Amino acid sequence: MIIIAFFIAHWYLSLFFQTFFLHRYASHRAFTMNKFTEKVFFVLTWIFQGSNYLSAYGYGVMHRMHHAFADTENDPHSPTYDETIWNMMWKTKTIYSAIASGKMVVDKRFSEGVPKWDAFDRFARSWPSRILWGGLYVLVYLQFATTWWLWLLLPIQFLLSPIHGAIINWFAHKYGYRNFEVGDTSKNFLPVDFLMMGESYHNNHHKHGSRANFGGIRWHEIDPTYLIIRLLDKLGIIRINRQKEIHIEPVKAAA
């Protein structure tokens, strides 16, 4: 049970910092925070993503490119132009690495305002850092894994961030329902997002990209990350960008 609890905690904590800090903050600036708080979230993202750590700059720039070029040849990740999920994710990795390492020159519209902490990123993305976290995961399994099949979860923990990305970038462009007709294939993958902390409401997000709340279009679309964002806003840790918020009355039945 300890390994199961460890796996579930890692899944959701890693995912939270991906959707909260990398996606809604770094990419879309759905809320603001001061520079000290920003650095705290850099460190927390490293701690909870661990061996899967993603650069806020690399993620933020690439995600802005995804919105600008969704489902075109210039999209960093689109099932429309990649034959398999593996091809798509390898292309994503290649583009992300080029951006994060500064090898790709990008338009100012994609990089302006995206948080950067180059010195920390070099450390957090380094192989020693990834090996350190991977070794800690192995030690937890050596100590608490009571049966062989629990070890099957370990490779997933090594690759949580790519797996989280693949679920949305592939499946949420292929399967699900749409609240809005937009110029791409984005869909709401799950009617109740118990798995991806609001990320599954992908069609909603492609319609209102800078909105902090990814859910709320239908009565059942509850975005758990947005509930945390509202709490952090009330505590004064962050400030929701009210200009980007759009009040939408929930739809109670399918159109």
Protein backbone atom coordinates (compact mmCIF):
# COMPACT_ATOMS: atom_id res chain seq x y z
CA MET A 1 0.00 0.00 0.00
CA ILE A 2 2.91 2.39 0.63
CA ILE A 3 4.10 2.04 -2.97
CA ILE A 4 0.59 2.62 -4.32
CA ALA A 5 0.26 5.73 -2.14
CA PHE A 6 3.72 6.91 -3.26
CA PHE A 7 2.81 6.43 -6.92
CA ILE A 8 -0.53 8.23 -6.63
CA ALA A 9 1.01 11.13 -4.68
CA HIS A 10 3.79 11.49 -7.26
CA TRP A 11 1.29 11.35 -10.15
CA TYR A 12 -0.88 14.16 -8.82
CA LEU A 13 1.84 16.38 -7.33
CA SER A 14 3.92 16.21 -10.51
CA LEU A 15 0.82 16.90 -12.57
CA PHE A 16 -0.26 19.79 -10.35
CA PHE A 17 2.99 21.69 -10.85
CA GLN A 18 2.84 21.00 -14.57
CA THR A 19 -0.66 22.38 -14.98
CA PHE A 20 -0.40 25.13 -12.33
CA PHE A 21 3.11 26.49 -12.80
CA LEU A 22 4.23 25.46 -16.28
CA HIS A 23 0.92 25.63 -18.12
CA ARG A 24 -1.38 28.20 -16.55
CA TYR A 25 1.36 30.49 -15.21
CA ALA A 26 4.43 30.19 -17.48
CA SER A 27 2.52 29.69 -20.73
CA HIS A 28 -0.64 31.75 -20.25
CA ARG A 29 -0.09 34.08 -17.30
CA ALA A 30 -3.57 33.30 -16.04
CA PHE A 31 -2.36 34.65 -12.68
CA THR A 32 0.63 36.58 -11.37
CA MET A 33 3.09 36.12 -8.51
CA ASN A 34 6.12 37.99 -7.25
CA LYS A 35 9.66 36.94 -8.21
CA PHE A 36 10.41 35.29 -4.86
CA THR A 37 7.24 33.17 -5.06
CA GLU A 38 8.09 32.32 -8.67
CA LYS A 39 11.46 30.94 -7.58
CA VAL A 40 9.78 28.94 -4.81
CA PHE A 41 7.55 27.32 -7.43
CA PHE A 42 10.56 26.61 -9.63
CA VAL A 43 12.07 24.64 -6.75
CA LEU A 44 8.80 22.91 -5.85
CA THR A 45 8.35 21.88 -9.48
CA TRP A 46 11.82 20.31 -9.39
CA ILE A 47 11.05 18.49 -6.14
CA PHE A 48 7.71 17.06 -7.21
CA GLN A 49 8.51 16.39 -10.86
CA GLY A 50 11.88 15.00 -9.87
CA SER A 51 13.43 12.96 -12.67
CA ASN A 52 10.72 14.36 -14.97
CA TYR A 53 11.51 18.04 -14.35
CA LEU A 54 10.44 20.34 -17.19
CA SER A 55 11.83 23.82 -17.79
CA ALA A 56 9.19 26.53 -17.38
CA TYR A 57 10.76 28.40 -20.28
CA GLY A 58 10.97 25.38 -22.59
CA TYR A 59 7.43 24.28 -21.73
CA GLY A 60 5.96 27.78 -21.88
CA VAL A 61 7.41 28.68 -25.27
CA MET A 62 6.53 25.33 -26.82
CA HIS A 63 2.97 25.47 -25.51
CA ARG A 64 2.45 28.95 -26.94
CA MET A 65 3.62 27.56 -30.29
CA HIS A 66 1.07 24.74 -29.93
CA HIS A 67 -1.76 27.25 -29.55
CA ALA A 68 -0.53 29.41 -32.42
CA PHE A 69 -0.08 26.47 -34.82
CA ALA A 70 -2.59 23.93 -33.45
CA ASP A 71 -3.02 20.96 -35.81
CA THR A 72 -0.83 22.41 -38.55
CA GLU A 73 2.58 21.29 -39.75
CA ASN A 74 4.22 23.78 -37.37
CA ASP A 75 2.46 22.37 -34.29
CA PRO A 76 5.08 20.88 -31.92
CA HIS A 77 2.70 18.01 -31.17
CA SER A 78 -0.32 17.11 -33.29
CA PRO A 79 -1.85 13.67 -33.95
CA THR A 80 -2.92 15.09 -37.31
CA TYR A 81 0.69 15.16 -38.54
CA ASP A 82 2.26 12.31 -36.56
CA GLU A 83 1.40 8.71 -37.37
CA THR A 84 1.86 7.32 -33.86
CA ILE A 85 1.91 8.65 -30.31
CA TRP A 86 5.60 7.68 -30.12
CA ASN A 87 6.48 9.80 -33.16
CA MET A 88 4.57 12.73 -31.73
CA MET A 89 6.26 12.53 -28.35
CA TRP A 90 9.74 12.20 -29.84
CA LYS A 91 9.08 15.30 -31.95
CA THR A 92 7.83 17.07 -28.82
CA LYS A 93 10.95 16.10 -26.88
CA THR A 94 13.24 17.29 -29.69
CA ILE A 95 11.56 20.70 -29.97
CA TYR A 96 11.28 21.16 -26.19
CA SER A 97 14.98 20.30 -25.67
CA ALA A 98 16.04 22.72 -28.40
CA ILE A 99 14.02 25.55 -26.82
CA ALA A 100 15.05 24.80 -23.22
CA SER A 101 18.74 24.60 -24.12
CA GLY A 102 18.62 27.80 -26.18
CA LYS A 103 19.49 26.08 -29.45
CA MET A 104 16.25 27.15 -31.15
CA VAL A 105 15.61 30.80 -31.94
CA VAL A 106 11.94 31.60 -31.32
CA ASP A 107 9.74 34.58 -32.11
CA LYS A 108 9.44 37.14 -29.35
CA ARG A 109 5.68 36.58 -29.19
CA PHE A 110 6.35 33.06 -27.88
CA SER A 111 9.08 33.95 -25.37
CA GLU A 112 7.98 37.33 -24.01
CA GLY A 113 7.09 37.11 -20.34
CA VAL A 114 7.85 33.40 -19.99
CA PRO A 115 9.74 32.90 -16.68
CA LYS A 116 13.41 31.95 -16.94
CA TRP A 117 15.91 30.83 -14.33
CA ASP A 118 18.77 29.56 -16.46
CA ALA A 119 21.17 28.55 -13.68
CA PHE A 120 18.52 26.54 -11.85
CA ASP A 121 17.22 24.96 -15.07
CA ARG A 122 20.70 23.76 -16.00
CA PHE A 123 20.96 22.03 -12.64
CA ALA A 124 17.39 20.70 -12.50
CA ARG A 125 17.52 19.35 -16.08
CA SER A 126 20.97 17.80 -15.66
CA TRP A 127 21.60 14.06 -15.66
CA PRO A 128 23.01 14.10 -12.09
CA SER A 129 19.73 15.61 -10.90
CA ARG A 130 17.62 13.08 -12.82
CA ILE A 131 19.77 10.17 -11.61
CA LEU A 132 19.52 11.43 -8.03
CA TRP A 133 15.72 11.43 -8.15
CA GLY A 134 15.61 8.11 -9.98
CA GLY A 135 17.86 6.57 -7.34
CA LEU A 136 15.57 7.85 -4.57
CA TYR A 137 12.57 6.25 -6.29
CA VAL A 138 14.42 2.94 -6.53
CA LEU A 139 15.30 3.10 -2.82
CA VAL A 140 11.63 3.61 -1.93
CA TYR A 141 10.70 0.53 -3.99
CA LEU A 142 13.49 -1.55 -2.46
CA GLN A 143 12.26 -0.63 0.99
CA PHE A 144 8.49 -0.95 0.50
CA ALA A 145 7.65 -3.02 -2.61
CA THR A 146 6.12 -6.21 -1.26
CA THR A 147 5.36 -7.97 -4.55
CA TRP A 148 6.91 -8.08 -8.00
CA TRP A 149 4.11 -6.34 -9.91
CA LEU A 150 4.55 -3.12 -7.92
CA TRP A 151 7.88 -2.67 -9.73
CA LEU A 152 5.91 -2.20 -12.95
CA LEU A 153 4.93 1.23 -11.64
CA LEU A 154 8.54 2.41 -11.35
CA PRO A 155 9.21 3.05 -15.08
CA ILE A 156 6.02 5.13 -15.20
CA GLN A 157 7.36 7.34 -12.39
CA PHE A 158 10.58 7.88 -14.34
CA LEU A 159 8.48 9.26 -17.24
CA LEU A 160 5.47 10.94 -15.63
CA SER A 161 5.79 14.32 -17.38
CA PRO A 162 5.98 12.84 -20.90
CA ILE A 163 3.08 10.52 -20.03
CA HIS A 164 0.95 13.41 -18.78
CA GLY A 165 1.74 15.32 -21.96
CA ALA A 166 0.97 12.36 -24.21
CA ILE A 167 -2.45 11.79 -22.63
CA ILE A 168 -3.59 15.31 -23.49
CA ASN A 169 -1.67 16.02 -26.68
CA TRP A 170 -2.70 12.74 -28.30
CA PHE A 171 -5.92 11.44 -26.75
CA ALA A 172 -7.54 14.85 -26.12
CA HIS A 173 -7.16 15.60 -29.84
CA LYS A 174 -8.71 12.27 -30.84
CA TYR A 175 -11.37 11.27 -28.33
CA GLY A 176 -14.00 13.08 -26.29
CA TYR A 177 -16.64 15.74 -26.78
CA ARG A 178 -16.61 19.40 -27.82
CA ASN A 179 -18.27 22.40 -26.27
CA PHE A 180 -16.85 24.76 -28.89
CA GLU A 181 -16.11 24.60 -32.58
CA VAL A 182 -12.52 25.80 -32.81
CA GLY A 183 -9.99 25.65 -35.62
CA ASP A 184 -8.33 22.46 -34.39
CA THR A 185 -9.23 18.96 -33.18
CA SER A 186 -9.14 19.66 -29.42
CA LYS A 187 -11.71 17.77 -27.34
CA ASN A 188 -12.67 17.42 -23.70
CA PHE A 189 -11.23 13.98 -23.04
CA LEU A 190 -12.99 13.29 -19.72
CA PRO A 191 -16.44 14.52 -18.67
CA VAL A 192 -15.25 14.49 -15.04
CA ASP A 193 -11.51 15.07 -14.80
CA PHE A 194 -10.46 12.85 -11.90
CA LEU A 195 -7.21 11.90 -13.67
CA MET A 196 -5.61 15.06 -15.13
CA MET A 197 -6.54 17.88 -12.69
CA GLY A 198 -8.47 19.90 -15.27
CA GLU A 199 -6.14 19.35 -18.22
CA SER A 200 -8.67 17.01 -19.84
CA TYR A 201 -10.98 19.96 -20.59
CA HIS A 202 -8.81 20.62 -23.61
CA ASN A 203 -11.48 21.95 -25.96
CA ASN A 204 -12.55 24.48 -23.33
CA HIS A 205 -8.93 25.53 -22.97
CA HIS A 206 -8.36 25.95 -26.71
CA LYS A 207 -11.41 28.22 -26.85
CA HIS A 208 -10.39 30.34 -23.83
CA GLY A 209 -6.63 29.83 -23.64
CA SER A 210 -5.77 32.32 -20.89
CA ARG A 211 -8.67 31.49 -18.59
CA ALA A 212 -7.47 30.06 -15.25
CA ASN A 213 -10.51 27.77 -15.02
CA PHE A 214 -10.36 25.03 -17.66
CA GLY A 215 -13.75 23.65 -16.61
CA GLY A 216 -17.07 25.24 -15.78
CA ILE A 217 -18.72 25.10 -19.20
CA ARG A 218 -20.95 22.18 -18.26
CA TRP A 219 -22.21 21.54 -14.74
CA HIS A 220 -20.03 18.44 -14.32
CA GLU A 221 -16.78 20.07 -15.51
CA ILE A 222 -15.05 20.69 -12.19
CA ASP A 223 -11.42 21.79 -12.48
CA PRO A 224 -9.59 20.79 -9.25
CA THR A 225 -6.52 22.89 -10.07
CA TYR A 226 -8.69 25.99 -10.39
CA LEU A 227 -10.06 25.40 -6.89
CA ILE A 228 -6.48 25.45 -5.58
CA ILE A 229 -5.74 28.57 -7.66
CA ARG A 230 -8.71 30.34 -6.06
CA LEU A 231 -7.46 29.36 -2.59
CA LEU A 232 -3.94 30.61 -3.32
CA ASP A 233 -5.47 33.84 -4.65
CA LYS A 234 -7.46 34.34 -1.45
CA LEU A 235 -4.31 33.71 0.60
CA GLY A 236 -2.47 36.38 -1.40
CA ILE A 237 0.18 33.97 -2.71
CA ILE A 238 -0.88 34.60 -6.31
CA ARG A 239 -3.25 37.00 -8.05
CA ILE A 240 -5.69 35.72 -10.66
CA ASN A 241 -5.56 37.88 -13.78
CA ARG A 242 -9.14 39.18 -13.70
CA GLN A 243 -8.85 40.63 -17.20
CA LYS A 244 -8.38 37.13 -18.58
CA GLU A 245 -11.24 35.59 -16.62
CA ILE A 246 -14.49 35.04 -18.50
CA HIS A 247 -17.70 34.29 -16.63
CA ILE A 248 -19.62 31.52 -18.39
CA GLU A 249 -22.92 30.12 -17.21
CA PRO A 250 -22.63 26.30 -17.04
CA VAL A 251 -24.57 24.29 -19.63
CA LYS A 252 -26.68 21.66 -17.89
CA ALA A 253 -27.30 19.32 -20.80
CA ALA A 254 -25.45 18.29 -23.92
CA ALA A 255 -26.18 20.37 -26.98
